[in-house]
Protein backbone atom coordinates (compact mmCIF):
# COMPACT_ATOMS: atom_id res chain seq x y z
CA MET A 1 -24.51 35.23 -88.57
CA SER A 2 -20.73 34.94 -88.60
CA HIS A 3 -18.68 32.10 -86.84
CA ASN A 4 -17.04 34.57 -84.47
CA SER A 5 -20.38 36.07 -83.55
CA LEU A 6 -21.98 32.68 -82.89
CA THR A 7 -18.83 31.63 -80.69
CA GLN A 8 -19.19 34.81 -78.64
CA HIS A 9 -22.89 34.02 -78.08
CA LEU A 10 -22.12 30.19 -77.40
CA LEU A 11 -19.42 31.19 -74.70
CA ALA A 12 -21.88 33.65 -73.05
CA ASN A 13 -24.70 30.99 -73.18
CA VAL A 14 -22.58 28.30 -71.45
CA ARG A 15 -21.10 30.85 -68.79
CA THR A 16 -24.65 31.95 -67.91
CA ALA A 17 -25.89 28.31 -67.74
CA LEU A 18 -23.11 27.13 -65.43
CA ASP A 19 -23.28 30.19 -63.27
CA GLU A 20 -27.00 29.79 -62.63
CA ASP A 21 -26.87 25.93 -62.04
CA ILE A 22 -23.52 25.64 -60.06
CA GLY A 23 -23.14 29.13 -58.54
CA SER A 24 -20.74 29.02 -55.57
CA GLY A 25 -20.25 25.25 -55.96
CA ASP A 26 -21.96 21.87 -56.69
CA LEU A 27 -22.77 20.61 -53.23
CA THR A 28 -23.70 17.09 -54.37
CA ALA A 29 -20.58 16.55 -56.45
CA GLN A 30 -18.47 16.91 -53.21
CA LEU A 31 -19.75 13.33 -52.45
CA ILE A 32 -17.44 12.15 -55.38
CA PRO A 33 -13.54 12.02 -54.76
CA GLU A 34 -11.99 15.11 -56.15
CA HIS A 35 -9.54 13.51 -58.70
CA ALA A 36 -11.75 10.45 -59.70
CA ALA A 37 -12.28 9.88 -63.40
CA ALA A 38 -15.47 8.69 -64.84
CA HIS A 39 -16.96 7.50 -68.28
CA ALA A 40 -20.10 8.66 -69.56
CA SER A 41 -22.48 8.20 -72.64
CA VAL A 42 -25.55 10.13 -73.93
CA ILE A 43 -28.46 8.24 -75.66
CA THR A 44 -31.54 9.59 -77.29
CA ARG A 45 -34.87 8.17 -76.52
CA GLU A 46 -36.39 9.44 -79.56
CA ASP A 47 -35.78 10.19 -83.25
CA MET A 48 -34.07 13.45 -83.71
CA VAL A 49 -31.62 15.72 -85.69
CA LEU A 50 -28.63 16.34 -83.51
CA CYS A 51 -27.92 20.08 -82.87
CA GLY A 52 -25.91 21.91 -80.09
CA THR A 53 -22.76 19.86 -80.01
CA LEU A 54 -20.63 22.85 -79.42
CA TRP A 55 -22.66 24.15 -76.45
CA PHE A 56 -22.69 20.74 -75.02
CA GLU A 57 -18.88 20.21 -75.32
CA GLU A 58 -18.02 23.70 -73.91
CA CYS A 59 -20.11 23.02 -70.77
CA PHE A 60 -17.69 20.08 -69.85
CA LYS A 61 -14.49 21.74 -71.34
CA ALA A 62 -15.29 24.77 -68.98
CA LEU A 63 -15.06 22.47 -65.96
CA ASP A 64 -12.54 19.99 -67.12
CA PRO A 65 -10.49 21.17 -70.13
CA ASP A 66 -9.06 17.64 -70.54
CA CYS A 67 -12.55 16.15 -71.01
CA ASN A 68 -12.47 13.83 -74.11
CA ILE A 69 -15.76 13.72 -76.01
CA VAL A 70 -16.23 11.28 -78.96
CA TRP A 71 -19.50 11.84 -81.09
CA GLN A 72 -20.94 8.79 -82.89
CA VAL A 73 -23.45 11.09 -84.52
CA GLN A 74 -22.41 14.32 -86.24
CA GLU A 75 -24.07 17.82 -85.99
CA GLY A 76 -26.97 18.12 -88.28
CA LYS A 77 -27.36 14.34 -88.86
CA PRO A 78 -30.23 12.10 -87.81
CA ALA A 79 -30.32 9.85 -84.88
CA HIS A 80 -32.87 7.20 -83.90
CA ALA A 81 -34.39 6.31 -80.46
CA GLY A 82 -31.97 4.32 -78.40
CA GLN A 83 -28.96 5.44 -80.35
CA THR A 84 -25.75 6.63 -78.41
CA LEU A 85 -24.91 10.14 -79.45
CA CYS A 86 -21.48 10.38 -77.77
CA SER A 87 -19.15 9.11 -75.12
CA LEU A 88 -17.13 11.17 -72.55
CA ASP A 89 -14.15 10.64 -70.44
CA GLY A 90 -13.05 13.13 -67.72
CA ASN A 91 -13.16 14.33 -64.09
CA ALA A 92 -16.05 12.65 -62.44
CA ARG A 93 -17.08 15.82 -60.52
CA ALA A 94 -17.00 17.95 -63.80
CA LEU A 95 -18.95 15.39 -65.73
CA LEU A 96 -21.79 15.40 -63.08
CA SER A 97 -21.66 19.16 -62.52
CA ALA A 98 -22.02 19.97 -66.26
CA GLU A 99 -24.44 17.22 -67.10
CA ARG A 100 -27.77 19.23 -66.65
CA PRO A 101 -26.64 22.44 -68.48
CA ALA A 102 -25.11 20.58 -71.29
CA LEU A 103 -28.09 18.36 -71.77
CA ASN A 104 -30.35 21.38 -71.68
CA PHE A 105 -28.55 22.88 -74.58
CA LEU A 106 -28.44 19.65 -76.59
CA GLN A 107 -32.11 18.66 -76.15
CA THR A 108 -33.35 22.25 -76.65
CA LEU A 109 -31.28 22.94 -80.00
CA SER A 110 -31.98 19.52 -81.24
CA ALA A 111 -35.61 20.12 -80.66
CA THR A 112 -35.55 23.19 -82.89
CA ALA A 113 -33.36 21.46 -85.48
CA THR A 114 -35.71 18.33 -85.46
CA LEU A 115 -38.96 20.37 -85.83
CA THR A 116 -37.50 22.54 -88.56
CA HIS A 117 -36.34 19.51 -90.48
CA ARG A 118 -39.89 17.99 -90.40
CA TYR A 119 -41.29 21.38 -91.78
CA VAL A 120 -38.62 21.36 -94.50
CA GLU A 121 -39.50 17.77 -95.51
CA ALA A 122 -43.13 18.56 -95.75
CA VAL A 123 -42.61 21.51 -98.25
CA ALA A 124 -40.07 19.40 -100.31
CA GLY A 125 -40.59 19.81 -104.08
CA THR A 126 -42.11 23.37 -103.68
CA ARG A 127 -40.43 26.70 -103.99
CA ALA A 128 -41.24 27.63 -100.34
CA LYS A 129 -38.56 28.23 -97.88
CA ILE A 130 -39.14 27.60 -94.18
CA MET A 131 -38.27 30.66 -92.09
CA ASP A 132 -37.93 31.31 -88.49
CA THR A 133 -39.17 34.38 -86.50
CA ARG A 134 -38.01 36.42 -83.30
CA LYS A 135 -40.36 34.30 -81.24
CA THR A 136 -37.26 32.81 -79.49
CA LEU A 137 -36.36 31.58 -75.92
CA PRO A 138 -34.89 34.67 -74.11
CA GLY A 139 -31.06 34.52 -74.22
CA LEU A 140 -30.95 31.78 -76.72
CA ARG A 141 -31.85 33.65 -79.84
CA MET A 142 -28.53 33.14 -81.74
CA ALA A 143 -28.40 29.51 -80.69
CA GLN A 144 -31.92 28.82 -81.75
CA LYS A 145 -31.58 30.55 -85.16
CA TYR A 146 -28.46 28.59 -85.79
CA ALA A 147 -30.44 25.39 -84.97
CA VAL A 148 -33.12 26.43 -87.55
CA THR A 149 -30.25 26.44 -90.37
CA VAL A 150 -29.02 23.07 -89.07
CA GLY A 151 -32.60 21.72 -89.66
CA GLY A 152 -32.43 23.04 -93.18
CA GLY A 153 -34.52 26.21 -92.48
CA HIS A 154 -33.73 29.84 -93.02
CA ASN A 155 -33.24 32.90 -90.80
CA GLN A 156 -35.28 35.94 -90.83
CA ARG A 157 -33.79 39.10 -89.38
CA LEU A 158 -31.84 38.34 -86.18
CA ALA A 159 -33.12 41.35 -84.29
CA LEU A 160 -34.83 44.76 -84.61
CA PHE A 161 -31.32 46.34 -85.76
CA ASP A 162 -30.84 44.32 -88.94
CA GLY A 163 -34.25 44.35 -90.74
CA VAL A 164 -37.53 46.35 -91.18
CA LEU A 165 -40.90 44.72 -90.76
CA ILE A 166 -43.65 47.24 -91.11
CA LYS A 167 -46.76 46.13 -89.31
CA GLU A 168 -50.24 47.53 -88.77
CA ASN A 169 -49.20 49.87 -86.00
CA HIS A 170 -46.47 51.29 -87.97
CA ILE A 171 -48.75 51.84 -91.07
CA THR A 172 -51.34 53.61 -88.83
CA ALA A 173 -48.63 55.86 -87.21
CA ALA A 174 -47.12 56.87 -90.56
CA GLY A 175 -50.56 57.52 -92.12
CA GLY A 176 -50.88 54.66 -94.65
CA ILE A 177 -49.05 52.12 -96.71
CA SER A 178 -47.61 54.46 -99.35
CA GLU A 179 -46.42 56.85 -96.66
CA VAL A 180 -44.81 54.38 -94.49
CA MET A 181 -43.05 52.74 -97.51
CA GLU A 182 -41.67 56.07 -98.55
CA LEU A 183 -40.16 56.73 -95.29
CA ALA A 184 -38.91 53.15 -94.96
CA PHE A 185 -36.98 53.56 -98.36
CA ARG A 186 -35.75 56.99 -97.25
CA LEU A 187 -34.56 56.15 -93.72
CA THR A 188 -33.26 52.53 -94.18
CA PRO A 189 -29.72 51.73 -95.36
CA PRO A 190 -29.68 50.05 -98.78
CA HIS A 191 -28.42 46.68 -97.53
CA ILE A 192 -31.12 46.29 -94.86
CA PRO A 193 -34.46 44.48 -96.04
CA ILE A 194 -37.81 46.06 -95.90
CA GLN A 195 -40.87 43.87 -95.41
CA ILE A 196 -44.53 45.01 -95.00
CA GLU A 197 -47.18 43.04 -93.60
CA VAL A 198 -50.67 43.06 -95.41
CA GLU A 199 -54.00 41.74 -94.40
CA ASN A 200 -56.03 41.72 -97.57
CA ARG A 201 -55.61 42.07 -101.34
CA ALA A 202 -56.30 45.91 -101.35
CA GLN A 203 -53.33 46.35 -99.00
CA LEU A 204 -51.13 44.15 -101.11
CA ASP A 205 -52.05 46.24 -104.16
CA GLU A 206 -51.13 49.41 -102.33
CA ALA A 207 -47.83 47.76 -101.03
CA LEU A 208 -46.91 46.63 -104.46
CA LEU A 209 -47.66 50.16 -106.00
CA ALA A 210 -45.46 51.63 -103.38
CA GLY A 211 -42.56 49.56 -104.38
CA ALA A 212 -42.55 46.67 -101.73
CA LYS A 213 -40.32 43.79 -102.70
CA LEU A 214 -40.91 41.62 -99.64
CA VAL A 215 -44.46 41.16 -98.41
CA LEU A 216 -45.93 39.33 -95.54
CA LEU A 217 -49.35 37.78 -96.00
CA ASP A 218 -50.79 37.73 -92.53
CA ASN A 219 -53.41 35.08 -91.88
CA PHE A 220 -54.44 34.78 -95.56
CA SER A 221 -56.70 31.85 -96.52
CA LEU A 222 -55.21 29.34 -98.80
CA GLU A 223 -57.38 30.64 -101.84
CA ASP A 224 -56.49 34.18 -101.07
CA MET A 225 -52.72 33.11 -100.97
CA LYS A 226 -53.01 31.64 -104.20
CA ARG A 227 -54.63 34.70 -105.71
CA ALA A 228 -51.95 36.96 -104.09
CA VAL A 229 -49.30 34.99 -105.71
CA GLU A 230 -50.96 35.15 -109.08
CA HIS A 231 -51.66 38.82 -108.80
CA ALA A 232 -48.11 39.75 -107.61
CA ALA A 233 -46.72 37.75 -110.57
CA GLY A 234 -43.03 37.92 -109.25
CA ARG A 235 -43.18 41.56 -108.51
CA ALA A 236 -42.39 40.80 -104.80
CA GLU A 237 -41.39 37.85 -102.62
CA LEU A 238 -44.39 36.74 -100.66
CA GLU A 239 -44.38 35.20 -97.24
CA ALA A 240 -47.08 33.42 -95.49
CA SER A 241 -47.46 33.57 -91.73
CA GLY A 242 -50.07 32.60 -88.99
CA GLY A 243 -51.84 29.43 -88.23
CA ILE A 244 -49.29 27.18 -89.94
CA THR A 245 -48.83 23.68 -88.69
CA LEU A 246 -47.30 20.43 -90.09
CA ASP A 247 -50.69 19.42 -91.11
CA ASN A 248 -51.15 22.24 -93.43
CA VAL A 249 -47.77 23.67 -94.45
CA ASN A 250 -47.65 21.50 -97.67
CA LEU A 251 -51.01 23.24 -98.69
CA VAL A 252 -49.51 26.60 -97.87
CA ALA A 253 -46.47 25.85 -99.96
CA ALA A 254 -48.66 24.72 -102.89
CA THR A 255 -50.12 28.17 -103.11
CA GLY A 256 -46.67 29.30 -104.68
CA VAL A 257 -45.64 31.48 -101.82
CA ASP A 258 -41.90 32.07 -101.72
CA ARG A 259 -41.41 31.90 -97.81
CA ILE A 260 -43.24 30.50 -94.88
CA SER A 261 -42.47 31.85 -91.37
CA ILE A 262 -43.25 29.71 -88.33
CA GLY A 263 -42.80 31.03 -84.93
CA ALA A 264 -43.34 27.46 -83.42
CA LEU A 265 -39.83 26.44 -84.64
CA THR A 266 -38.38 28.34 -81.72
CA LYS A 267 -41.24 29.21 -79.50
CA ASP A 268 -43.10 25.91 -78.82
CA VAL A 269 -39.94 23.79 -78.04
CA GLN A 270 -40.60 20.13 -76.93
CA ALA A 271 -37.26 19.16 -75.77
CA ILE A 272 -35.76 15.97 -77.14
CA ASP A 273 -35.64 13.22 -74.36
CA LEU A 274 -31.90 12.53 -73.81
CA SER A 275 -30.15 10.45 -71.04
CA MET A 276 -26.67 10.53 -69.85
CA ARG A 277 -25.28 7.69 -67.90
CA VAL A 278 -22.03 8.11 -65.76
CA ARG A 279 -19.95 5.39 -64.44
CA LEU A 280 -16.65 5.39 -62.39
CA PRO A 281 -13.97 2.89 -63.42
């Protein structure tokens, strides 16, 4: 994901968020004098990894280009419950109008980064990489995939256009694993990764024989994963998926798989509890 691409998505995210929340105007903000200035600070009520500062800043800058934001915690760094994350000085109406969209981005992206970091820590010392999936919140895919990298994880394909993942329905439609792999190699540009999902040892054998270099082990038991790693013997990268939690991810990593994909990083988001306090001088 390029910096320019991320910036484009960021600006679109913020524009959409402000439009849906403010619309034709913030009626409550009219109670504040138009040119009044205000100071604000944001604190976290729980331990976290900070992520989403650029989305947060853009929400305020869109309404008050002169808004000054000073961060006490930097992007990607840990913060503890009760810690001040940043302070803001700017137009009071702008601060109040942008507050909720800005916090929504910060608490959501920090949640993904924080959870990813916990999984990464849980597999430390193993070869396994923690990977995301396409199970993202609608409209926030690029933002959440960015948050995964901030937490120390790795991105799978961004979307259907930049990676091939052959699943059961594709295999059935093509007539079998060898047939679908032959088609994939023939039709897919060389720079696009091709991955195939298998459900048992026999399918793994067939995929390896057909030249698969990236194989997803779908809902394999720990013992079957270990055997699959021994059997593949480095001929393909193996990825574990399905039923993985913080409680068992280290056991999965210990089987020797190369990658572990976890939909919960972006799908089951428990927003970080943040609070913004605004005061007028």
